[in-house]
Amino acid sequence: MSVPYLIELMGLIGNITGTMLSFIWPALFHLRIKAQRGTQKDRRFDYFIICVGICVMTVGVYYSAIELATAVKYGQR
């Protein structure tokens, strides 16, 4: 038994989880932990990193979805 289009599917999943683990979650946890004691500069930087992470994830998911759709459409394995 094999999973068709496993590479493309793993690329899509990797874009979502990798970006969340690298950019979004650390900045979000830092915001939650240091919410009261952090400076305005720290909060702005965390929000900036979260926005960059969301943008990177959106672009990655877009291109991975195109890759998966192309593979399914043309039957590439």
C-alpha atoms as a PDB file:
ATOM      1  CA  MET A   1       0.000   0.000   0.000  1.00  0.00           C
ATOM      2  CA  SER A   2       1.368   3.394  -0.921  1.00  0.00           C
ATOM      3  CA  VAL A   3       0.207   6.948  -0.520  1.00  0.00           C
ATOM      4  CA  PRO A   4      -0.102   8.730  -3.854  1.00  0.00           C
ATOM      5  CA  TYR A   5       1.499  12.180  -4.056  1.00  0.00           C
ATOM      6  CA  LEU A   6       3.187  11.761  -0.685  1.00  0.00           C
ATOM      7  CA  ILE A   7       6.001  14.193  -1.500  1.00  0.00           C
ATOM      8  CA  GLU A   8       3.608  16.965  -2.495  1.00  0.00           C
ATOM      9  CA  LEU A   9       1.381  16.304   0.508  1.00  0.00           C
ATOM     10  CA  MET A  10       4.347  16.370   2.885  1.00  0.00           C
ATOM     11  CA  GLY A  11       5.444  19.667   1.323  1.00  0.00           C
ATOM     12  CA  LEU A  12       2.042  21.161   2.048  1.00  0.00           C
ATOM     13  CA  ILE A  13       1.985  19.874   5.622  1.00  0.00           C
ATOM     14  CA  GLY A  14       5.602  20.906   6.145  1.00  0.00           C
ATOM     15  CA  ASN A  15       4.902  24.452   5.048  1.00  0.00           C
ATOM     16  CA  ILE A  16       2.137  24.808   7.578  1.00  0.00           C
ATOM     17  CA  THR A  17       3.785  23.114  10.538  1.00  0.00           C
ATOM     18  CA  GLY A  18       7.340  24.272   9.866  1.00  0.00           C
ATOM     19  CA  THR A  19       6.377  27.913   9.656  1.00  0.00           C
ATOM     20  CA  MET A  20       4.226  27.680  12.750  1.00  0.00           C
ATOM     21  CA  LEU A  21       7.039  26.034  14.721  1.00  0.00           C
ATOM     22  CA  SER A  22       9.718  28.426  13.471  1.00  0.00           C
ATOM     23  CA  PHE A  23       8.001  31.804  13.421  1.00  0.00           C
ATOM     24  CA  ILE A  24       4.482  31.992  14.787  1.00  0.00           C
ATOM     25  CA  TRP A  25       4.461  29.882  17.973  1.00  0.00           C
ATOM     26  CA  PRO A  26       7.693  31.235  19.519  1.00  0.00           C
ATOM     27  CA  ALA A  27       6.610  34.846  19.018  1.00  0.00           C
ATOM     28  CA  LEU A  28       3.099  34.081  20.250  1.00  0.00           C
ATOM     29  CA  PHE A  29       4.416  32.325  23.354  1.00  0.00           C
ATOM     30  CA  HIS A  30       6.760  35.237  24.027  1.00  0.00           C
ATOM     31  CA  LEU A  31       3.790  37.610  23.800  1.00  0.00           C
ATOM     32  CA  ARG A  32       1.773  35.499  26.240  1.00  0.00           C
ATOM     33  CA  ILE A  33       4.596  35.050  28.741  1.00  0.00           C
ATOM     34  CA  LYS A  34       5.893  38.628  28.692  1.00  0.00           C
ATOM     35  CA  ALA A  35       2.566  40.386  28.109  1.00  0.00           C
ATOM     36  CA  GLN A  36       2.676  42.564  31.224  1.00  0.00           C
ATOM     37  CA  ARG A  37       6.437  42.928  31.672  1.00  0.00           C
ATOM     38  CA  GLY A  38       7.513  43.310  28.050  1.00  0.00           C
ATOM     39  CA  THR A  39       8.190  46.637  26.398  1.00  0.00           C
ATOM     40  CA  GLN A  40       6.196  48.058  23.524  1.00  0.00           C
ATOM     41  CA  LYS A  41       9.210  47.453  21.278  1.00  0.00           C
ATOM     42  CA  ASP A  42       9.221  43.738  22.182  1.00  0.00           C
ATOM     43  CA  ARG A  43       5.507  43.407  21.476  1.00  0.00           C
ATOM     44  CA  ARG A  44       5.821  45.152  18.117  1.00  0.00           C
ATOM     45  CA  PHE A  45       8.709  42.891  17.155  1.00  0.00           C
ATOM     46  CA  ASP A  46       6.695  39.797  18.125  1.00  0.00           C
ATOM     47  CA  TYR A  47       3.746  40.993  16.051  1.00  0.00           C
ATOM     48  CA  PHE A  48       6.105  41.670  13.150  1.00  0.00           C
ATOM     49  CA  ILE A  49       7.526  38.139  13.356  1.00  0.00           C
ATOM     50  CA  ILE A  50       4.011  36.676  13.498  1.00  0.00           C
ATOM     51  CA  CYS A  51       2.998  38.672  10.406  1.00  0.00           C
ATOM     52  CA  VAL A  52       6.133  37.597   8.541  1.00  0.00           C
ATOM     53  CA  GLY A  53       5.427  33.987   9.511  1.00  0.00           C
ATOM     54  CA  ILE A  54       1.861  34.205   8.260  1.00  0.00           C
ATOM     55  CA  CYS A  55       3.045  35.715   4.963  1.00  0.00           C
ATOM     56  CA  VAL A  56       5.723  33.048   4.514  1.00  0.00           C
ATOM     57  CA  MET A  57       3.241  30.314   5.360  1.00  0.00           C
ATOM     58  CA  THR A  58       0.675  31.707   2.916  1.00  0.00           C
ATOM     59  CA  VAL A  59       3.177  31.789   0.058  1.00  0.00           C
ATOM     60  CA  GLY A  60       4.453  28.310   0.904  1.00  0.00           C
ATOM     61  CA  VAL A  61       0.981  26.815   1.139  1.00  0.00           C
ATOM     62  CA  TYR A  62       0.010  28.478  -2.141  1.00  0.00           C
ATOM     63  CA  TYR A  63       2.937  27.017  -4.055  1.00  0.00           C
ATOM     64  CA  SER A  64       2.628  23.625  -2.381  1.00  0.00           C
ATOM     65  CA  ALA A  65      -1.063  23.508  -3.257  1.00  0.00           C
ATOM     66  CA  ILE A  66      -0.242  24.357  -6.878  1.00  0.00           C
ATOM     67  CA  GLU A  67       2.392  21.616  -6.907  1.00  0.00           C
ATOM     68  CA  LEU A  68      -0.074  19.092  -5.464  1.00  0.00           C
ATOM     69  CA  ALA A  69      -2.843  20.109  -7.873  1.00  0.00           C
ATOM     70  CA  THR A  70      -0.468  19.858 -10.837  1.00  0.00           C
ATOM     71  CA  ALA A  71       0.710  16.416  -9.756  1.00  0.00           C
ATOM     72  CA  VAL A  72      -2.865  15.191  -9.333  1.00  0.00           C
ATOM     73  CA  LYS A  73      -4.022  16.711 -12.623  1.00  0.00           C
ATOM     74  CA  TYR A  74      -1.224  15.271 -14.742  1.00  0.00           C
ATOM     75  CA  GLY A  75      -0.773  12.067 -12.773  1.00  0.00           C
ATOM     76  CA  GLN A  76       2.851  12.713 -11.891  1.00  0.00           C
ATOM     77  CA  ARG A  77       4.263  10.532  -9.172  1.00  0.00           C
END
